[in-house]
């Protein structure tokens, strides 16, 4: 039995990861999301998946969750997404950068190559983090800036998620 924490688990990537991990009924998946950009309908409705509405950037919110559960793995997908939200809340972006510093592996969604993803990927390279990239529509030639780093890319979401898990 493994216990997983997925922050940002009410988003597309976190919800998909939770669904795959929950297929093994012995796994316990704890999803933490403040729902600022996520949605409850993306959280799998399964007996071994539990949702907690919380802001992972607030110590008083997240500390009791870590105290209650003995996590084997943590997938940090909570982030302020979208250019408009980032411009309106620049200080919240700094919290996301701290998450990169404290991560072992970075999972990056590379479709549309928005500036936030490129900055976070470049920052991950600067911190010598392993990056697993997923894309459906991005031309591999547009990813050349990431090639010098510890970088792998895949156009299949399930494969990219498993590559991330296996990298831990």
N, C-alpha and C. Protein backbone atom coordinates (compact mmCIF):
# COMPACT_ATOMS: atom_id res chain seq x y z
N UNK A 1 0.84 -1.18 0.00
CA UNK A 1 0.00 0.00 0.00
C UNK A 1 0.89 1.24 0.00
N UNK A 2 0.56 2.17 -0.87
CA UNK A 2 1.26 3.45 -0.96
C UNK A 2 0.25 4.57 -0.74
N UNK A 3 0.72 5.65 -0.12
CA UNK A 3 -0.11 6.82 0.09
C UNK A 3 0.48 7.97 -0.70
N UNK A 4 -0.35 8.57 -1.55
CA UNK A 4 0.07 9.64 -2.44
C UNK A 4 -0.63 10.93 -2.09
N UNK A 5 0.11 12.03 -2.13
CA UNK A 5 -0.47 13.36 -2.04
C UNK A 5 -0.35 13.98 -3.43
N UNK A 6 -1.47 14.49 -3.93
CA UNK A 6 -1.45 15.21 -5.21
C UNK A 6 -2.00 16.60 -4.94
N UNK A 7 -1.11 17.60 -4.95
CA UNK A 7 -1.57 18.98 -4.82
C UNK A 7 -2.00 19.45 -6.20
N UNK A 8 -3.03 20.26 -6.25
CA UNK A 8 -3.57 20.66 -7.55
C UNK A 8 -4.29 19.50 -8.22
N UNK A 9 -4.77 18.57 -7.43
CA UNK A 9 -5.40 17.36 -7.97
C UNK A 9 -6.76 17.55 -8.58
N UNK A 10 -7.33 18.76 -8.49
CA UNK A 10 -8.61 19.05 -9.13
C UNK A 10 -8.40 19.69 -10.50
N UNK A 11 -7.16 19.63 -10.98
CA UNK A 11 -6.85 20.13 -12.32
C UNK A 11 -6.77 18.97 -13.30
N UNK A 12 -6.49 19.27 -14.55
CA UNK A 12 -6.44 18.24 -15.60
C UNK A 12 -5.37 17.19 -15.33
N UNK A 13 -4.15 17.62 -15.07
CA UNK A 13 -3.05 16.68 -14.90
C UNK A 13 -3.18 15.93 -13.57
N UNK A 14 -3.42 16.66 -12.48
CA UNK A 14 -3.54 16.03 -11.17
C UNK A 14 -4.70 15.04 -11.10
N UNK A 15 -5.84 15.40 -11.68
CA UNK A 15 -6.99 14.51 -11.69
C UNK A 15 -6.74 13.25 -12.50
N UNK A 16 -6.05 13.40 -13.62
CA UNK A 16 -5.72 12.24 -14.45
C UNK A 16 -4.74 11.32 -13.73
N UNK A 17 -3.75 11.89 -13.09
CA UNK A 17 -2.80 11.09 -12.32
C UNK A 17 -3.52 10.34 -11.20
N UNK A 18 -4.40 11.02 -10.48
CA UNK A 18 -5.15 10.37 -9.39
C UNK A 18 -5.95 9.19 -9.90
N UNK A 19 -6.58 9.36 -11.04
CA UNK A 19 -7.38 8.28 -11.63
C UNK A 19 -6.52 7.06 -11.93
N UNK A 20 -5.34 7.29 -12.48
CA UNK A 20 -4.44 6.17 -12.80
C UNK A 20 -3.90 5.50 -11.53
N UNK A 21 -3.50 6.29 -10.55
CA UNK A 21 -2.98 5.72 -9.31
C UNK A 21 -4.06 4.97 -8.54
N UNK A 22 -5.30 5.43 -8.64
CA UNK A 22 -6.41 4.81 -7.90
C UNK A 22 -6.82 3.46 -8.47
N UNK A 23 -6.35 3.13 -9.66
CA UNK A 23 -6.67 1.83 -10.23
C UNK A 23 -6.17 0.70 -9.35
N UNK A 24 -5.06 0.95 -8.66
CA UNK A 24 -4.58 -0.01 -7.66
C UNK A 24 -5.33 0.31 -6.38
N UNK A 25 -6.29 -0.53 -6.03
CA UNK A 25 -7.19 -0.29 -4.90
C UNK A 25 -6.46 -0.20 -3.56
N UNK A 26 -5.21 -0.71 -3.51
CA UNK A 26 -4.46 -0.62 -2.25
C UNK A 26 -3.84 0.76 -2.06
N UNK A 27 -3.77 1.57 -3.11
CA UNK A 27 -3.24 2.92 -3.01
C UNK A 27 -4.25 3.84 -2.35
N UNK A 28 -3.75 4.78 -1.57
CA UNK A 28 -4.58 5.83 -0.99
C UNK A 28 -4.10 7.14 -1.60
N UNK A 29 -5.03 7.87 -2.20
CA UNK A 29 -4.69 9.12 -2.87
C UNK A 29 -5.39 10.27 -2.13
N UNK A 30 -4.60 11.23 -1.69
CA UNK A 30 -5.12 12.43 -1.04
C UNK A 30 -4.92 13.58 -2.02
N UNK A 31 -6.00 14.22 -2.39
CA UNK A 31 -5.95 15.36 -3.30
C UNK A 31 -6.18 16.62 -2.49
N UNK A 32 -5.26 17.57 -2.64
CA UNK A 32 -5.39 18.87 -1.98
C UNK A 32 -5.42 19.93 -3.06
N UNK A 33 -6.46 20.76 -3.04
CA UNK A 33 -6.61 21.80 -4.05
C UNK A 33 -7.46 22.92 -3.45
N UNK A 34 -7.13 24.17 -3.77
CA UNK A 34 -7.94 25.29 -3.27
C UNK A 34 -9.05 25.66 -4.25
N UNK A 35 -9.12 24.96 -5.37
CA UNK A 35 -10.15 25.14 -6.40
C UNK A 35 -10.13 26.51 -7.05
N UNK A 36 -8.98 27.22 -6.97
CA UNK A 36 -8.91 28.52 -7.63
C UNK A 36 -8.92 28.37 -9.15
N UNK A 37 -8.36 27.29 -9.65
CA UNK A 37 -8.43 27.01 -11.09
C UNK A 37 -8.93 25.60 -11.37
N UNK A 38 -8.96 24.74 -10.37
CA UNK A 38 -9.41 23.36 -10.55
C UNK A 38 -10.92 23.25 -10.39
N UNK A 39 -11.41 22.02 -10.53
CA UNK A 39 -12.85 21.77 -10.43
C UNK A 39 -13.07 20.42 -9.77
N UNK A 40 -14.05 20.34 -8.89
CA UNK A 40 -14.35 19.08 -8.20
C UNK A 40 -14.74 17.96 -9.15
N UNK A 41 -15.29 18.30 -10.32
CA UNK A 41 -15.68 17.22 -11.25
C UNK A 41 -14.46 16.51 -11.86
N UNK A 42 -13.27 17.07 -11.68
CA UNK A 42 -12.04 16.41 -12.16
C UNK A 42 -11.42 15.49 -11.11
N UNK A 43 -11.98 15.50 -9.89
CA UNK A 43 -11.49 14.63 -8.82
C UNK A 43 -12.21 13.28 -8.95
N UNK A 44 -11.47 12.19 -9.10
CA UNK A 44 -12.12 10.88 -9.22
C UNK A 44 -12.98 10.56 -8.00
N UNK A 45 -14.17 10.05 -8.24
CA UNK A 45 -15.10 9.68 -7.17
C UNK A 45 -14.91 8.19 -6.87
N UNK A 46 -13.82 7.88 -6.16
CA UNK A 46 -13.48 6.50 -5.83
C UNK A 46 -13.21 6.39 -4.34
N UNK A 47 -13.39 5.19 -3.80
CA UNK A 47 -13.24 4.98 -2.35
C UNK A 47 -11.84 5.27 -1.84
N UNK A 48 -10.82 5.10 -2.68
CA UNK A 48 -9.45 5.31 -2.23
C UNK A 48 -8.90 6.69 -2.60
N UNK A 49 -9.78 7.60 -3.03
CA UNK A 49 -9.40 8.97 -3.36
C UNK A 49 -10.14 9.91 -2.41
N UNK A 50 -9.38 10.76 -1.72
CA UNK A 50 -9.97 11.68 -0.74
C UNK A 50 -9.57 13.11 -1.09
N UNK A 51 -10.55 14.01 -1.07
CA UNK A 51 -10.32 15.40 -1.42
C UNK A 51 -10.31 16.27 -0.17
N UNK A 52 -9.33 17.20 -0.10
CA UNK A 52 -9.26 18.19 0.97
C UNK A 52 -9.11 19.56 0.31
N UNK A 53 -10.06 20.46 0.59
CA UNK A 53 -9.94 21.82 0.05
C UNK A 53 -9.00 22.60 0.96
N UNK A 54 -7.87 23.02 0.39
CA UNK A 54 -6.84 23.69 1.17
C UNK A 54 -5.89 24.41 0.23
N UNK A 55 -5.20 25.41 0.75
CA UNK A 55 -4.19 26.14 -0.01
C UNK A 55 -2.82 25.63 0.43
N UNK A 56 -2.11 24.98 -0.46
CA UNK A 56 -0.82 24.37 -0.10
C UNK A 56 0.25 25.41 0.22
N UNK A 57 0.02 26.66 -0.14
CA UNK A 57 0.99 27.71 0.16
C UNK A 57 0.82 28.27 1.57
N UNK A 58 -0.20 27.82 2.27
CA UNK A 58 -0.44 28.28 3.64
C UNK A 58 -0.03 27.19 4.61
N UNK A 59 0.99 27.47 5.39
CA UNK A 59 1.53 26.47 6.32
C UNK A 59 0.46 25.89 7.23
N UNK A 60 -0.41 26.75 7.76
CA UNK A 60 -1.45 26.27 8.68
C UNK A 60 -2.48 25.38 8.00
N UNK A 61 -2.57 25.45 6.68
CA UNK A 61 -3.46 24.56 5.93
C UNK A 61 -2.78 23.21 5.65
N UNK A 62 -1.53 23.24 5.22
CA UNK A 62 -0.88 22.03 4.74
C UNK A 62 -0.21 21.21 5.84
N UNK A 63 0.28 21.86 6.88
CA UNK A 63 0.99 21.14 7.95
C UNK A 63 0.14 20.04 8.59
N UNK A 64 -1.14 20.29 8.92
CA UNK A 64 -1.94 19.21 9.51
C UNK A 64 -2.16 18.03 8.56
N UNK A 65 -2.16 18.29 7.28
CA UNK A 65 -2.33 17.20 6.31
C UNK A 65 -1.10 16.31 6.32
N UNK A 66 0.08 16.91 6.35
CA UNK A 66 1.30 16.10 6.43
C UNK A 66 1.40 15.39 7.78
N UNK A 67 0.88 16.01 8.83
CA UNK A 67 0.92 15.37 10.15
C UNK A 67 -0.02 14.17 10.21
N UNK A 68 -1.12 14.23 9.49
CA UNK A 68 -2.12 13.16 9.54
C UNK A 68 -1.73 11.95 8.71
N UNK A 69 -1.10 12.17 7.56
CA UNK A 69 -0.80 11.09 6.62
C UNK A 69 0.71 10.89 6.52
N UNK A 70 1.10 9.66 6.32
CA UNK A 70 2.50 9.33 6.09
C UNK A 70 2.67 9.09 4.59
N UNK A 71 2.91 10.16 3.83
CA UNK A 71 2.95 10.07 2.38
C UNK A 71 4.21 9.35 1.90
N UNK A 72 4.01 8.45 0.94
CA UNK A 72 5.14 7.82 0.27
C UNK A 72 5.63 8.67 -0.89
N UNK A 73 4.69 9.34 -1.55
CA UNK A 73 5.02 10.17 -2.70
C UNK A 73 4.17 11.43 -2.67
N UNK A 74 4.79 12.54 -3.13
CA UNK A 74 4.07 13.81 -3.25
C UNK A 74 4.23 14.30 -4.68
N UNK A 75 3.12 14.58 -5.33
CA UNK A 75 3.10 15.17 -6.67
C UNK A 75 2.55 16.59 -6.52
N UNK A 76 3.41 17.57 -6.76
CA UNK A 76 3.02 18.97 -6.55
C UNK A 76 2.61 19.59 -7.88
N UNK A 77 1.30 19.62 -8.13
CA UNK A 77 0.76 20.22 -9.35
C UNK A 77 -0.01 21.49 -9.06
N UNK A 78 -0.06 21.91 -7.81
CA UNK A 78 -0.75 23.16 -7.49
C UNK A 78 0.09 24.33 -7.99
N UNK A 79 -0.52 25.16 -8.79
CA UNK A 79 0.18 26.31 -9.33
C UNK A 79 -0.83 27.32 -9.85
N UNK A 80 -0.45 28.55 -9.83
CA UNK A 80 -1.26 29.59 -10.43
C UNK A 80 -1.04 29.50 -11.94
N UNK A 81 -2.09 29.21 -12.67
CA UNK A 81 -1.94 29.00 -14.12
C UNK A 81 -2.66 30.10 -14.90
N UNK A 82 -2.14 30.37 -16.07
CA UNK A 82 -2.74 31.36 -16.96
C UNK A 82 -2.05 32.70 -16.85
N UNK A 83 -1.80 33.31 -17.98
CA UNK A 83 -1.09 34.58 -18.02
C UNK A 83 -1.85 35.66 -17.27
N UNK A 84 -3.16 35.74 -17.46
CA UNK A 84 -3.95 36.78 -16.80
C UNK A 84 -3.86 36.64 -15.28
N UNK A 85 -4.04 35.41 -14.76
CA UNK A 85 -3.95 35.20 -13.31
C UNK A 85 -2.56 35.53 -12.78
N UNK A 86 -1.54 35.17 -13.55
CA UNK A 86 -0.16 35.43 -13.14
C UNK A 86 0.10 36.93 -13.07
N UNK A 87 -0.36 37.67 -14.05
CA UNK A 87 -0.16 39.12 -14.05
C UNK A 87 -0.93 39.79 -12.92
N UNK A 88 -2.11 39.25 -12.60
CA UNK A 88 -2.92 39.83 -11.53
C UNK A 88 -2.40 39.47 -10.14
N UNK A 89 -1.65 38.37 -10.02
CA UNK A 89 -1.18 37.88 -8.72
C UNK A 89 0.30 37.52 -8.75
N UNK A 90 1.18 38.47 -9.07
CA UNK A 90 2.60 38.12 -9.24
C UNK A 90 3.25 37.52 -7.99
N UNK A 91 2.83 37.90 -6.82
CA UNK A 91 3.45 37.37 -5.60
C UNK A 91 3.13 35.89 -5.40
N UNK A 92 1.98 35.44 -5.88
CA UNK A 92 1.64 34.02 -5.76
C UNK A 92 2.55 33.16 -6.63
N UNK A 93 3.09 33.74 -7.69
CA UNK A 93 4.02 33.00 -8.56
C UNK A 93 5.28 32.62 -7.79
N UNK A 94 5.72 33.49 -6.89
CA UNK A 94 6.92 33.19 -6.09
C UNK A 94 6.72 31.93 -5.25
N UNK A 95 5.51 31.69 -4.79
CA UNK A 95 5.22 30.47 -4.05
C UNK A 95 5.42 29.24 -4.93
N UNK A 96 5.03 29.35 -6.20
CA UNK A 96 5.22 28.23 -7.13
C UNK A 96 6.70 27.94 -7.35
N UNK A 97 7.52 28.97 -7.37
CA UNK A 97 8.97 28.80 -7.56
C UNK A 97 9.56 28.03 -6.39
N UNK A 98 9.10 28.29 -5.19
CA UNK A 98 9.57 27.53 -4.02
C UNK A 98 9.24 26.05 -4.20
N UNK A 99 8.09 25.75 -4.79
CA UNK A 99 7.72 24.36 -5.04
C UNK A 99 8.69 23.68 -5.99
N UNK A 100 9.19 24.39 -6.98
CA UNK A 100 10.18 23.83 -7.90
C UNK A 100 11.46 23.50 -7.16
N UNK A 101 11.91 24.41 -6.32
CA UNK A 101 13.15 24.19 -5.56
C UNK A 101 13.07 22.91 -4.71
N UNK A 102 11.88 22.62 -4.20
CA UNK A 102 11.72 21.50 -3.28
C UNK A 102 11.26 20.21 -3.96
N UNK A 103 11.25 20.18 -5.29
CA UNK A 103 10.78 19.01 -6.03
C UNK A 103 11.95 18.16 -6.54
N UNK A 104 11.70 16.88 -6.70
CA UNK A 104 12.70 15.97 -7.26
C UNK A 104 12.58 15.87 -8.78
N UNK A 105 11.33 15.87 -9.27
CA UNK A 105 11.05 15.74 -10.70
C UNK A 105 10.00 16.78 -11.05
N UNK A 106 10.13 17.40 -12.22
CA UNK A 106 9.17 18.40 -12.69
C UNK A 106 8.41 17.82 -13.88
N UNK A 107 7.08 17.88 -13.82
CA UNK A 107 6.23 17.47 -14.93
C UNK A 107 5.74 18.75 -15.59
N UNK A 108 6.02 18.93 -16.88
CA UNK A 108 5.67 20.17 -17.58
C UNK A 108 4.73 19.87 -18.73
N UNK A 109 3.62 20.61 -18.81
CA UNK A 109 2.71 20.53 -19.95
C UNK A 109 3.17 21.58 -20.94
N UNK A 110 3.64 21.13 -22.09
CA UNK A 110 4.34 22.01 -23.02
C UNK A 110 3.49 22.52 -24.18
N UNK A 111 2.23 22.12 -24.28
CA UNK A 111 1.38 22.62 -25.36
C UNK A 111 1.26 24.13 -25.25
N UNK A 112 1.29 24.79 -26.36
CA UNK A 112 1.18 26.25 -26.49
C UNK A 112 2.39 27.01 -25.98
N UNK A 113 3.32 26.33 -25.30
CA UNK A 113 4.56 26.95 -24.83
C UNK A 113 4.34 28.34 -24.25
N UNK A 114 3.42 28.44 -23.29
CA UNK A 114 3.19 29.74 -22.68
C UNK A 114 4.43 30.16 -21.89
N UNK A 115 4.54 31.44 -21.66
CA UNK A 115 5.76 31.98 -21.04
C UNK A 115 6.00 31.42 -19.65
N UNK A 116 4.93 31.18 -18.89
CA UNK A 116 5.09 30.63 -17.54
C UNK A 116 5.73 29.26 -17.55
N UNK A 117 5.29 28.41 -18.48
CA UNK A 117 5.86 27.07 -18.58
C UNK A 117 7.32 27.14 -18.98
N UNK A 118 7.65 28.01 -19.90
CA UNK A 118 9.05 28.14 -20.34
C UNK A 118 9.93 28.65 -19.21
N UNK A 119 9.44 29.63 -18.45
CA UNK A 119 10.23 30.16 -17.33
C UNK A 119 10.42 29.08 -16.27
N UNK A 120 9.33 28.37 -15.92
CA UNK A 120 9.44 27.32 -14.91
C UNK A 120 10.34 26.18 -15.38
N UNK A 121 10.27 25.83 -16.66
CA UNK A 121 11.14 24.78 -17.18
C UNK A 121 12.60 25.23 -17.16
N UNK A 122 12.85 26.47 -17.55
CA UNK A 122 14.21 27.00 -17.49
C UNK A 122 14.73 27.07 -16.07
N UNK A 123 13.88 27.47 -15.15
CA UNK A 123 14.26 27.52 -13.74
C UNK A 123 14.56 26.11 -13.23
N UNK A 124 13.75 25.15 -13.65
CA UNK A 124 13.99 23.75 -13.26
C UNK A 124 15.35 23.28 -13.75
N UNK A 125 15.71 23.67 -14.98
CA UNK A 125 17.03 23.32 -15.50
C UNK A 125 18.13 23.96 -14.67
N UNK A 126 17.92 25.23 -14.27
CA UNK A 126 18.93 25.93 -13.47
C UNK A 126 19.14 25.24 -12.13
N UNK A 127 18.08 24.64 -11.58
CA UNK A 127 18.18 23.90 -10.32
C UNK A 127 18.55 22.44 -10.54
N UNK A 128 18.87 22.08 -11.80
CA UNK A 128 19.28 20.72 -12.18
C UNK A 128 18.20 19.68 -11.81
N UNK A 129 16.95 20.01 -12.11
CA UNK A 129 15.83 19.10 -11.86
C UNK A 129 15.54 18.29 -13.11
N UNK A 130 15.14 17.06 -12.92
CA UNK A 130 14.69 16.24 -14.05
C UNK A 130 13.33 16.75 -14.49
N UNK A 131 13.15 16.95 -15.80
CA UNK A 131 11.90 17.45 -16.35
C UNK A 131 11.30 16.39 -17.26
N UNK A 132 10.04 16.04 -17.01
CA UNK A 132 9.27 15.18 -17.91
C UNK A 132 8.26 16.09 -18.58
N UNK A 133 8.36 16.21 -19.90
CA UNK A 133 7.47 17.08 -20.64
C UNK A 133 6.40 16.30 -21.37
N UNK A 134 5.19 16.84 -21.37
CA UNK A 134 4.07 16.25 -22.11
C UNK A 134 3.58 17.30 -23.10
N UNK A 135 3.30 16.85 -24.32
CA UNK A 135 2.72 17.75 -25.31
C UNK A 135 1.92 16.96 -26.32
N UNK A 136 0.91 17.60 -26.87
CA UNK A 136 0.11 17.01 -27.95
C UNK A 136 0.34 17.76 -29.25
N UNK A 137 0.56 19.06 -29.16
CA UNK A 137 0.57 19.88 -30.36
C UNK A 137 1.89 20.59 -30.61
N UNK A 138 2.82 20.46 -29.71
CA UNK A 138 4.08 21.21 -29.81
C UNK A 138 5.06 20.49 -30.73
N UNK A 139 5.67 21.24 -31.63
CA UNK A 139 6.72 20.70 -32.50
C UNK A 139 7.99 20.51 -31.67
N UNK A 140 8.59 19.32 -31.76
CA UNK A 140 9.81 19.02 -30.99
C UNK A 140 10.91 20.06 -31.22
N UNK A 141 10.96 20.67 -32.40
CA UNK A 141 11.98 21.68 -32.68
C UNK A 141 11.82 22.92 -31.80
N UNK A 142 10.62 23.14 -31.27
CA UNK A 142 10.40 24.29 -30.39
C UNK A 142 10.88 24.03 -28.97
N UNK A 143 11.33 22.81 -28.71
CA UNK A 143 11.76 22.44 -27.37
C UNK A 143 13.28 22.38 -27.23
N UNK A 144 13.98 22.86 -28.23
CA UNK A 144 15.44 22.74 -28.25
C UNK A 144 16.11 23.39 -27.04
N UNK A 145 15.53 24.46 -26.51
CA UNK A 145 16.14 25.12 -25.35
C UNK A 145 16.19 24.20 -24.14
N UNK A 146 15.32 23.19 -24.09
CA UNK A 146 15.29 22.28 -22.94
C UNK A 146 16.20 21.07 -23.12
N UNK A 147 16.64 20.81 -24.33
CA UNK A 147 17.43 19.60 -24.62
C UNK A 147 18.72 19.49 -23.81
N UNK A 148 19.43 20.58 -23.52
CA UNK A 148 20.67 20.42 -22.74
C UNK A 148 20.44 19.94 -21.31
N UNK A 149 19.23 20.10 -20.81
CA UNK A 149 18.94 19.70 -19.44
C UNK A 149 18.57 18.23 -19.34
N UNK A 150 18.21 17.83 -18.15
CA UNK A 150 17.76 16.47 -17.87
C UNK A 150 16.28 16.41 -18.25
N UNK A 151 16.02 16.25 -19.54
CA UNK A 151 14.70 16.48 -20.12
C UNK A 151 14.24 15.30 -20.97
N UNK A 152 12.99 14.87 -20.76
CA UNK A 152 12.36 13.83 -21.56
C UNK A 152 11.00 14.35 -21.97
N UNK A 153 10.57 14.06 -23.18
CA UNK A 153 9.26 14.51 -23.64
C UNK A 153 8.47 13.35 -24.21
N UNK A 154 7.15 13.45 -24.10
CA UNK A 154 6.27 12.41 -24.63
C UNK A 154 4.95 13.04 -25.04
N UNK A 155 4.35 12.54 -26.11
CA UNK A 155 3.07 13.08 -26.56
C UNK A 155 1.88 12.28 -26.04
N UNK A 156 2.14 11.26 -25.21
CA UNK A 156 1.07 10.48 -24.60
C UNK A 156 1.03 10.81 -23.11
N UNK A 157 -0.11 11.32 -22.63
CA UNK A 157 -0.21 11.78 -21.25
C UNK A 157 0.04 10.65 -20.25
N UNK A 158 -0.55 9.50 -20.47
CA UNK A 158 -0.37 8.39 -19.53
C UNK A 158 1.09 7.98 -19.45
N UNK A 159 1.74 7.87 -20.58
CA UNK A 159 3.16 7.51 -20.61
C UNK A 159 4.00 8.56 -19.89
N UNK A 160 3.71 9.83 -20.14
CA UNK A 160 4.47 10.90 -19.49
C UNK A 160 4.27 10.87 -17.97
N UNK A 161 3.05 10.62 -17.52
CA UNK A 161 2.80 10.52 -16.07
C UNK A 161 3.57 9.36 -15.47
N UNK A 162 3.54 8.20 -16.13
CA UNK A 162 4.29 7.05 -15.60
C UNK A 162 5.79 7.30 -15.62
N UNK A 163 6.29 7.98 -16.65
CA UNK A 163 7.71 8.33 -16.66
C UNK A 163 8.06 9.18 -15.44
N UNK A 164 7.16 10.08 -15.08
CA UNK A 164 7.36 10.93 -13.91
C UNK A 164 7.42 10.07 -12.65
N UNK A 165 6.46 9.18 -12.50
CA UNK A 165 6.40 8.31 -11.32
C UNK A 165 7.66 7.44 -11.24
N UNK A 166 8.06 6.86 -12.34
CA UNK A 166 9.22 5.97 -12.36
C UNK A 166 10.52 6.72 -12.08
N UNK A 167 10.51 8.04 -12.26
CA UNK A 167 11.72 8.83 -12.02
C UNK A 167 11.96 9.08 -10.53
N UNK A 168 11.00 8.77 -9.70
CA UNK A 168 11.15 9.04 -8.27
C UNK A 168 11.98 7.99 -7.59
